[in-house]
Amino acid sequence: MRKKKIWTEEKLNEAKKLLGTLSTSKAGVIMGVSKNAILGALYREKEKNGYVPPLNSPYARIRKYRKGFG
């Protein structure tokens, strides 16, 4: 069973709008989620739209061993 999707397009757009003027922490307080929840949702949206992190990134080492990544 899939989890209910909590990040709708409207919520993502609201988060982007808030981040234009506020810190991630303050935007999280306003939206009732953590700053990491906002950052994760925006990053997943970015990847869904075709972003692939660089293979030499120290934060993406696991991807080097997955099928289809280099």
Protein backbone atom coordinates (compact mmCIF):
# COMPACT_ATOMS: atom_id res chain seq x y z
CA MET A 1 0.00 0.00 0.00
CA ARG A 2 1.35 3.43 -0.98
CA LYS A 3 1.55 6.29 1.45
CA LYS A 4 -0.73 9.22 0.88
CA LYS A 5 1.09 11.95 -1.03
CA ILE A 6 1.38 14.96 1.24
CA TRP A 7 3.39 17.20 -1.12
CA THR A 8 0.90 18.43 -3.67
CA GLU A 9 1.82 20.92 -6.38
CA GLU A 10 0.13 23.65 -4.34
CA LYS A 11 2.23 22.88 -1.26
CA LEU A 12 5.43 22.75 -3.31
CA ASN A 13 4.61 26.11 -4.88
CA GLU A 14 3.84 27.57 -1.46
CA ALA A 15 7.18 26.31 -0.14
CA LYS A 16 9.03 27.85 -3.10
CA LYS A 17 7.24 31.16 -2.56
CA LEU A 18 8.10 31.19 1.16
CA LEU A 19 11.73 30.30 0.45
CA GLY A 20 11.99 33.40 -1.71
CA THR A 21 11.87 35.53 1.42
CA LEU A 22 12.34 33.25 4.45
CA SER A 23 14.80 30.65 5.70
CA THR A 24 13.93 26.99 5.33
CA SER A 25 13.38 26.71 9.09
CA LYS A 26 10.91 29.59 9.17
CA ALA A 27 9.08 28.30 6.10
CA GLY A 28 8.83 24.90 7.81
CA VAL A 29 7.28 26.44 10.92
CA ILE A 30 4.68 28.25 8.80
CA MET A 31 3.85 25.09 6.83
CA GLY A 32 3.94 22.82 9.88
CA VAL A 33 6.78 20.58 8.67
CA SER A 34 10.51 20.37 9.30
CA LYS A 35 13.09 22.20 7.21
CA ASN A 36 14.41 18.82 6.04
CA ALA A 37 10.93 17.83 4.85
CA ILE A 38 10.84 20.93 2.65
CA LEU A 39 14.37 20.40 1.34
CA GLY A 40 13.67 16.73 0.61
CA ALA A 41 10.43 17.45 -1.21
CA LEU A 42 12.04 20.12 -3.38
CA TYR A 43 15.03 17.88 -4.11
CA ARG A 44 12.78 14.96 -5.12
CA GLU A 45 10.85 17.29 -7.42
CA LYS A 46 14.13 18.47 -8.92
CA GLU A 47 15.23 14.86 -9.58
CA LYS A 48 11.82 14.02 -11.03
CA ASN A 49 12.36 16.84 -13.53
CA GLY A 50 15.63 15.33 -14.76
CA TYR A 51 18.35 16.56 -12.39
CA VAL A 52 21.16 14.07 -11.84
CA PRO A 53 23.75 14.94 -9.17
CA PRO A 54 27.39 14.83 -10.31
CA LEU A 55 29.02 11.43 -9.88
CA ASN A 56 32.01 12.95 -8.09
CA SER A 57 29.81 14.47 -5.36
CA PRO A 58 30.81 13.21 -1.90
CA TYR A 59 27.11 13.25 -0.97
CA ALA A 60 26.04 10.91 -3.78
CA ARG A 61 28.53 8.04 -3.47
CA ILE A 62 25.85 5.35 -3.23
CA ARG A 63 24.60 6.17 -6.73
CA LYS A 64 27.94 5.13 -8.24
CA TYR A 65 27.06 1.51 -7.54
CA ARG A 66 23.47 1.55 -8.73
CA LYS A 67 22.49 0.29 -12.14
CA GLY A 68 22.48 3.05 -14.76
CA PHE A 69 24.79 5.48 -12.97
CA GLY A 70 28.20 5.54 -14.59
